[in-house]
Amino acid sequence: MNPIKFVHDLGIKSEHAYIGGFASIVIALLAWLVSRGKKSDDKAQSDRWGIFVGHWAPTFFAIGLALKNEE
């Protein structure tokens, strides 16, 4: 079964995926800004968390495009 068709049949629309992409950009930026304010050794871990979340955006946008084609 086509995973995009399955997700579409669940009622998830392309707009939902686009919102997820923009939200991951905002969350990554916030995580990075918070890590800049830390004085401890956890600063590097916070930076990595921001980068990790930031990598979600292209996936959400790609899913959004695929769902848009399915619609």
PDB file of N, CA and C in Angstrom:
ATOM      1  N   MET A   1       0.837  -1.185   0.000  1.00  0.00           N
ATOM      2  CA  MET A   1       0.000   0.000   0.000  1.00  0.00           C
ATOM      3  C   MET A   1       0.882   1.248   0.000  1.00  0.00           C
ATOM      4  N   ASN A   2       0.432   2.246  -0.671  1.00  0.00           N
ATOM      5  CA  ASN A   2       1.121   3.522  -0.765  1.00  0.00           C
ATOM      6  C   ASN A   2       0.999   4.269   0.570  1.00  0.00           C
ATOM      7  N   PRO A   3       2.122   4.594   1.225  1.00  0.00           N
ATOM      8  CA  PRO A   3       2.045   5.255   2.536  1.00  0.00           C
ATOM      9  C   PRO A   3       1.406   6.642   2.469  1.00  0.00           C
ATOM     10  N   ILE A   4       1.596   7.358   1.382  1.00  0.00           N
ATOM     11  CA  ILE A   4       0.991   8.687   1.267  1.00  0.00           C
ATOM     12  C   ILE A   4      -0.519   8.569   1.124  1.00  0.00           C
ATOM     13  N   LYS A   5      -0.966   7.586   0.358  1.00  0.00           N
ATOM     14  CA  LYS A   5      -2.410   7.369   0.232  1.00  0.00           C
ATOM     15  C   LYS A   5      -2.999   6.968   1.581  1.00  0.00           C
ATOM     16  N   PHE A   6      -2.281   6.142   2.330  1.00  0.00           N
ATOM     17  CA  PHE A   6      -2.731   5.729   3.655  1.00  0.00           C
ATOM     18  C   PHE A   6      -2.883   6.937   4.576  1.00  0.00           C
ATOM     19  N   VAL A   7      -1.869   7.812   4.576  1.00  0.00           N
ATOM     20  CA  VAL A   7      -1.927   9.015   5.417  1.00  0.00           C
ATOM     21  C   VAL A   7      -3.068   9.916   4.962  1.00  0.00           C
ATOM     22  N   HIS A   8      -3.245  10.054   3.657  1.00  0.00           N
ATOM     23  CA  HIS A   8      -4.342  10.865   3.123  1.00  0.00           C
ATOM     24  C   HIS A   8      -5.695  10.295   3.534  1.00  0.00           C
ATOM     25  N   ASP A   9      -5.817   8.987   3.477  1.00  0.00           N
ATOM     26  CA  ASP A   9      -7.075   8.343   3.865  1.00  0.00           C
ATOM     27  C   ASP A   9      -7.367   8.504   5.361  1.00  0.00           C
ATOM     28  N   LEU A  10      -6.342   8.760   6.159  1.00  0.00           N
ATOM     29  CA  LEU A  10      -6.546   9.023   7.590  1.00  0.00           C
ATOM     30  C   LEU A  10      -7.107  10.423   7.832  1.00  0.00           C
ATOM     31  N   GLY A  11      -7.128  11.239   6.783  1.00  0.00           N
ATOM     32  CA  GLY A  11      -7.681  12.589   6.910  1.00  0.00           C
ATOM     33  C   GLY A  11      -6.629  13.668   7.084  1.00  0.00           C
ATOM     34  N   ILE A  12      -5.361  13.302   6.970  1.00  0.00           N
ATOM     35  CA  ILE A  12      -4.289  14.294   7.096  1.00  0.00           C
ATOM     36  C   ILE A  12      -4.133  14.996   5.748  1.00  0.00           C
ATOM     37  N   LYS A  13      -4.156  16.323   5.801  1.00  0.00           N
ATOM     38  CA  LYS A  13      -4.067  17.122   4.581  1.00  0.00           C
ATOM     39  C   LYS A  13      -2.679  17.721   4.433  1.00  0.00           C
ATOM     40  N   SER A  14      -2.401  18.224   3.245  1.00  0.00           N
ATOM     41  CA  SER A  14      -1.094  18.826   2.988  1.00  0.00           C
ATOM     42  C   SER A  14      -0.833  20.007   3.908  1.00  0.00           C
ATOM     43  N   GLU A  15      -1.883  20.752   4.246  1.00  0.00           N
ATOM     44  CA  GLU A  15      -1.725  21.901   5.140  1.00  0.00           C
ATOM     45  C   GLU A  15      -1.187  21.470   6.502  1.00  0.00           C
ATOM     46  N   HIS A  16      -1.608  20.300   6.969  1.00  0.00           N
ATOM     47  CA  HIS A  16      -1.124  19.801   8.261  1.00  0.00           C
ATOM     48  C   HIS A  16       0.386  19.539   8.202  1.00  0.00           C
ATOM     49  N   ALA A  17       0.845  18.973   7.107  1.00  0.00           N
ATOM     50  CA  ALA A  17       2.277  18.701   6.962  1.00  0.00           C
ATOM     51  C   ALA A  17       3.065  20.002   6.856  1.00  0.00           C
ATOM     52  N   TYR A  18       2.525  20.991   6.131  1.00  0.00           N
ATOM     53  CA  TYR A  18       3.201  22.283   6.024  1.00  0.00           C
ATOM     54  C   TYR A  18       3.297  22.963   7.390  1.00  0.00           C
ATOM     55  N   ILE A  19       2.237  22.888   8.168  1.00  0.00           N
ATOM     56  CA  ILE A  19       2.258  23.453   9.522  1.00  0.00           C
ATOM     57  C   ILE A  19       3.329  22.757  10.355  1.00  0.00           C
ATOM     58  N   GLY A  20       3.429  21.430  10.225  1.00  0.00           N
ATOM     59  CA  GLY A  20       4.470  20.691  10.938  1.00  0.00           C
ATOM     60  C   GLY A  20       5.860  21.137  10.529  1.00  0.00           C
ATOM     61  N   GLY A  21       6.059  21.418   9.253  1.00  0.00           N
ATOM     62  CA  GLY A  21       7.360  21.890   8.773  1.00  0.00           C
ATOM     63  C   GLY A  21       7.728  23.243   9.350  1.00  0.00           C
ATOM     64  N   PHE A  22       6.781  24.172   9.313  1.00  0.00           N
ATOM     65  CA  PHE A  22       7.056  25.497   9.867  1.00  0.00           C
ATOM     66  C   PHE A  22       7.221  25.432  11.386  1.00  0.00           C
ATOM     67  N   ALA A  23       6.446  24.578  12.043  1.00  0.00           N
ATOM     68  CA  ALA A  23       6.568  24.425  13.495  1.00  0.00           C
ATOM     69  C   ALA A  23       7.941  23.872  13.864  1.00  0.00           C
ATOM     70  N   SER A  24       8.454  22.933  13.083  1.00  0.00           N
ATOM     71  CA  SER A  24       9.770  22.381  13.402  1.00  0.00           C
ATOM     72  C   SER A  24      10.869  23.434  13.226  1.00  0.00           C
ATOM     73  N   ILE A  25      10.696  24.349  12.278  1.00  0.00           N
ATOM     74  CA  ILE A  25      11.661  25.434  12.120  1.00  0.00           C
ATOM     75  C   ILE A  25      11.638  26.342  13.350  1.00  0.00           C
ATOM     76  N   VAL A  26      10.436  26.679  13.797  1.00  0.00           N
ATOM     77  CA  VAL A  26      10.300  27.547  14.974  1.00  0.00           C
ATOM     78  C   VAL A  26      10.855  26.858  16.220  1.00  0.00           C
ATOM     79  N   ILE A  27      10.529  25.582  16.401  1.00  0.00           N
ATOM     80  CA  ILE A  27      11.013  24.842  17.576  1.00  0.00           C
ATOM     81  C   ILE A  27      12.543  24.733  17.547  1.00  0.00           C
ATOM     82  N   ALA A  28      13.111  24.503  16.362  1.00  0.00           N
ATOM     83  CA  ALA A  28      14.570  24.421  16.241  1.00  0.00           C
ATOM     84  C   ALA A  28      15.210  25.760  16.595  1.00  0.00           C
ATOM     85  N   LEU A  29      14.624  26.846  16.127  1.00  0.00           N
ATOM     86  CA  LEU A  29      15.148  28.164  16.445  1.00  0.00           C
ATOM     87  C   LEU A  29      15.060  28.442  17.945  1.00  0.00           C
ATOM     88  N   LEU A  30      13.933  28.100  18.550  1.00  0.00           N
ATOM     89  CA  LEU A  30      13.783  28.297  19.994  1.00  0.00           C
ATOM     90  C   LEU A  30      14.781  27.451  20.780  1.00  0.00           C
ATOM     91  N   ALA A  31      14.981  26.212  20.365  1.00  0.00           N
ATOM     92  CA  ALA A  31      15.940  25.349  21.055  1.00  0.00           C
ATOM     93  C   ALA A  31      17.342  25.919  20.948  1.00  0.00           C
ATOM     94  N   TRP A  32      17.685  26.456  19.792  1.00  0.00           N
ATOM     95  CA  TRP A  32      19.004  27.045  19.612  1.00  0.00           C
ATOM     96  C   TRP A  32      19.159  28.307  20.468  1.00  0.00           C
ATOM     97  N   LEU A  33      18.117  29.154  20.489  1.00  0.00           N
ATOM     98  CA  LEU A  33      18.178  30.368  21.295  1.00  0.00           C
ATOM     99  C   LEU A  33      18.304  30.048  22.786  1.00  0.00           C
ATOM    100  N   VAL A  34      17.577  29.033  23.237  1.00  0.00           N
ATOM    101  CA  VAL A  34      17.669  28.631  24.641  1.00  0.00           C
ATOM    102  C   VAL A  34      19.069  28.114  24.946  1.00  0.00           C
ATOM    103  N   SER A  35      19.650  27.364  24.032  1.00  0.00           N
ATOM    104  CA  SER A  35      20.988  26.821  24.268  1.00  0.00           C
ATOM    105  C   SER A  35      22.032  27.930  24.332  1.00  0.00           C
ATOM    106  N   ARG A  36      21.811  29.013  23.626  1.00  0.00           N
ATOM    107  CA  ARG A  36      22.762  30.135  23.655  1.00  0.00           C
ATOM    108  C   ARG A  36      22.790  30.780  25.047  1.00  0.00           C
ATOM    109  N   GLY A  37      21.688  30.705  25.773  1.00  0.00           N
ATOM    110  CA  GLY A  37      21.618  31.321  27.087  1.00  0.00           C
ATOM    111  C   GLY A  37      22.154  30.458  28.209  1.00  0.00           C
ATOM    112  N   LYS A  38      22.474  29.203  27.922  1.00  0.00           N
ATOM    113  CA  LYS A  38      22.961  28.293  28.966  1.00  0.00           C
ATOM    114  C   LYS A  38      24.419  28.577  29.293  1.00  0.00           C
ATOM    115  N   LYS A  39      24.760  28.363  30.531  1.00  0.00           N
ATOM    116  CA  LYS A  39      26.146  28.536  30.976  1.00  0.00           C
ATOM    117  C   LYS A  39      26.811  27.192  31.274  1.00  0.00           C
ATOM    118  N   SER A  40      26.091  26.108  31.097  1.00  0.00           N
ATOM    119  CA  SER A  40      26.603  24.792  31.494  1.00  0.00           C
ATOM    120  C   SER A  40      27.145  24.017  30.296  1.00  0.00           C
ATOM    121  N   ASP A  41      27.547  22.784  30.581  1.00  0.00           N
ATOM    122  CA  ASP A  41      28.071  21.902  29.540  1.00  0.00           C
ATOM    123  C   ASP A  41      26.974  21.371  28.621  1.00  0.00           C
ATOM    124  N   ASP A  42      25.714  21.606  28.983  1.00  0.00           N
ATOM    125  CA  ASP A  42      24.600  21.117  28.168  1.00  0.00           C
ATOM    126  C   ASP A  42      24.365  21.973  26.927  1.00  0.00           C
ATOM    127  N   LYS A  43      25.138  23.028  26.746  1.00  0.00           N
ATOM    128  CA  LYS A  43      24.946  23.920  25.604  1.00  0.00           C
ATOM    129  C   LYS A  43      25.103  23.163  24.282  1.00  0.00           C
ATOM    130  N   ALA A  44      26.107  22.322  24.188  1.00  0.00           N
ATOM    131  CA  ALA A  44      26.332  21.567  22.945  1.00  0.00           C
ATOM    132  C   ALA A  44      25.179  20.607  22.679  1.00  0.00           C
ATOM    133  N   GLN A  45      24.675  19.979  23.720  1.00  0.00           N
ATOM    134  CA  GLN A  45      23.546  19.061  23.552  1.00  0.00           C
ATOM    135  C   GLN A  45      22.306  19.820  23.081  1.00  0.00           C
ATOM    136  N   SER A  46      22.092  21.013  23.615  1.00  0.00           N
ATOM    137  CA  SER A  46      20.946  21.824  23.185  1.00  0.00           C
ATOM    138  C   SER A  46      21.085  22.231  21.732  1.00  0.00           C
ATOM    139  N   ASP A  47      22.305  22.569  21.317  1.00  0.00           N
ATOM    140  CA  ASP A  47      22.530  22.894  19.914  1.00  0.00           C
ATOM    141  C   ASP A  47      22.206  21.697  19.021  1.00  0.00           C
ATOM    142  N   ARG A  48      22.650  20.520  19.427  1.00  0.00           N
ATOM    143  CA  ARG A  48      22.360  19.309  18.630  1.00  0.00           C
ATOM    144  C   ARG A  48      20.865  19.036  18.574  1.00  0.00           C
ATOM    145  N   TRP A  49      20.145  19.290  19.670  1.00  0.00           N
ATOM    146  CA  TRP A  49      18.697  19.087  19.680  1.00  0.00           C
ATOM    147  C   TRP A  49      18.036  20.034  18.674  1.00  0.00           C
ATOM    148  N   GLY A  50      18.471  21.287  18.639  1.00  0.00           N
ATOM    149  CA  GLY A  50      17.922  22.238  17.675  1.00  0.00           C
ATOM    150  C   GLY A  50      18.177  21.811  16.245  1.00  0.00           C
ATOM    151  N   ILE A  51      19.379  21.307  15.973  1.00  0.00           N
ATOM    152  CA  ILE A  51      19.702  20.825  14.627  1.00  0.00           C
ATOM    153  C   ILE A  51      18.852  19.605  14.279  1.00  0.00           C
ATOM    154  N   PHE A  52      18.684  18.699  15.244  1.00  0.00           N
ATOM    155  CA  PHE A  52      17.881  17.493  15.018  1.00  0.00           C
ATOM    156  C   PHE A  52      16.444  17.859  14.651  1.00  0.00           C
ATOM    157  N   VAL A  53      15.841  18.753  15.409  1.00  0.00           N
ATOM    158  CA  VAL A  53      14.467  19.162  15.121  1.00  0.00           C
ATOM    159  C   VAL A  53      14.400  19.918  13.800  1.00  0.00           C
ATOM    160  N   GLY A  54      15.413  20.708  13.504  1.00  0.00           N
ATOM    161  CA  GLY A  54      15.442  21.451  12.252  1.00  0.00           C
ATOM    162  C   GLY A  54      15.474  20.565  11.021  1.00  0.00           C
ATOM    163  N   HIS A  55      16.010  19.357  11.172  1.00  0.00           N
ATOM    164  CA  HIS A  55      16.043  18.422  10.046  1.00  0.00           C
ATOM    165  C   HIS A  55      14.669  17.833   9.730  1.00  0.00           C
ATOM    166  N   TRP A  56      13.714  18.020  10.607  1.00  0.00           N
ATOM    167  CA  TRP A  56      12.373  17.504  10.342  1.00  0.00           C
ATOM    168  C   TRP A  56      11.654  18.325   9.272  1.00  0.00           C
ATOM    169  N   ALA A  57      11.972  19.606   9.163  1.00  0.00           N
ATOM    170  CA  ALA A  57      11.233  20.498   8.259  1.00  0.00           C
ATOM    171  C   ALA A  57      11.199  20.001   6.814  1.00  0.00           C
ATOM    172  N   PRO A  58      12.325  19.633   6.205  1.00  0.00           N
ATOM    173  CA  PRO A  58      12.243  19.170   4.809  1.00  0.00           C
ATOM    174  C   PRO A  58      11.369  17.927   4.639  1.00  0.00           C
ATOM    175  N   THR A  59      11.381  17.055   5.644  1.00  0.00           N
ATOM    176  CA  THR A  59      10.544  15.859   5.565  1.00  0.00           C
ATOM    177  C   THR A  59       9.065  16.227   5.582  1.00  0.00           C
ATOM    178  N   PHE A  60       8.697  17.123   6.500  1.00  0.00           N
ATOM    179  CA  PHE A  60       7.297  17.563   6.556  1.00  0.00           C
ATOM    180  C   PHE A  60       6.883  18.244   5.254  1.00  0.00           C
ATOM    181  N   PHE A  61       7.759  19.096   4.697  1.00  0.00           N
ATOM    182  CA  PHE A  61       7.422  19.774   3.445  1.00  0.00           C
ATOM    183  C   PHE A  61       7.300  18.781   2.289  1.00  0.00           C
ATOM    184  N   ALA A  62       8.161  17.771   2.255  1.00  0.00           N
ATOM    185  CA  ALA A  62       8.079  16.754   1.205  1.00  0.00           C
ATOM    186  C   ALA A  62       6.784  15.953   1.322  1.00  0.00           C
ATOM    187  N   ILE A  63       6.419  15.601   2.544  1.00  0.00           N
ATOM    188  CA  ILE A  63       5.149  14.899   2.761  1.00  0.00           C
ATOM    189  C   ILE A  63       3.984  15.795   2.350  1.00  0.00           C
ATOM    190  N   GLY A  64       4.089  17.087   2.661  1.00  0.00           N
ATOM    191  CA  GLY A  64       3.045  18.026   2.251  1.00  0.00           C
ATOM    192  C   GLY A  64       2.868  18.080   0.736  1.00  0.00           C
ATOM    193  N   LEU A  65       3.991  18.088   0.016  1.00  0.00           N
ATOM    194  CA  LEU A  65       3.907  18.076  -1.445  1.00  0.00           C
ATOM    195  C   LEU A  65       3.282  16.791  -1.963  1.00  0.00           C
ATOM    196  N   ALA A  66       3.677  15.671  -1.385  1.00  0.00           N
ATOM    197  CA  ALA A  66       3.112  14.393  -1.804  1.00  0.00           C
ATOM    198  C   ALA A  66       1.616  14.326  -1.511  1.00  0.00           C
ATOM    199  N   LEU A  67       1.225  14.845  -0.352  1.00  0.00           N
ATOM    200  CA  LEU A  67      -0.201  14.860  -0.021  1.00  0.00           C
ATOM    201  C   LEU A  67      -0.973  15.805  -0.954  1.00  0.00           C
ATOM    202  N   LYS A  68      -0.350  16.923  -1.329  1.00  0.00           N
ATOM    203  CA  LYS A  68      -0.985  17.855  -2.254  1.00  0.00           C
ATOM    204  C   LYS A  68      -1.233  17.174  -3.600  1.00  0.00           C
ATOM    205  N   ASN A  69      -0.293  16.357  -4.058  1.00  0.00           N
ATOM    206  CA  ASN A  69      -0.483  15.611  -5.307  1.00  0.00           C
ATOM    207  C   ASN A  69      -1.583  14.583  -5.164  1.00  0.00           C
ATOM    208  N   GLU A  70      -1.699  13.999  -3.959  1.00  0.00           N
ATOM    209  CA  GLU A  70      -2.738  12.996  -3.698  1.00  0.00           C
ATOM    210  C   GLU A  70      -4.131  13.632  -3.659  1.00  0.00           C
ATOM    211  N   GLU A  71      -4.184  14.874  -3.185  1.00  0.00           N
ATOM    212  CA  GLU A  71      -5.479  15.586  -3.097  1.00  0.00           C
ATOM    213  C   GLU A  71      -5.962  15.936  -4.470  1.00  0.00           C
TER     214      GLU A  71
END
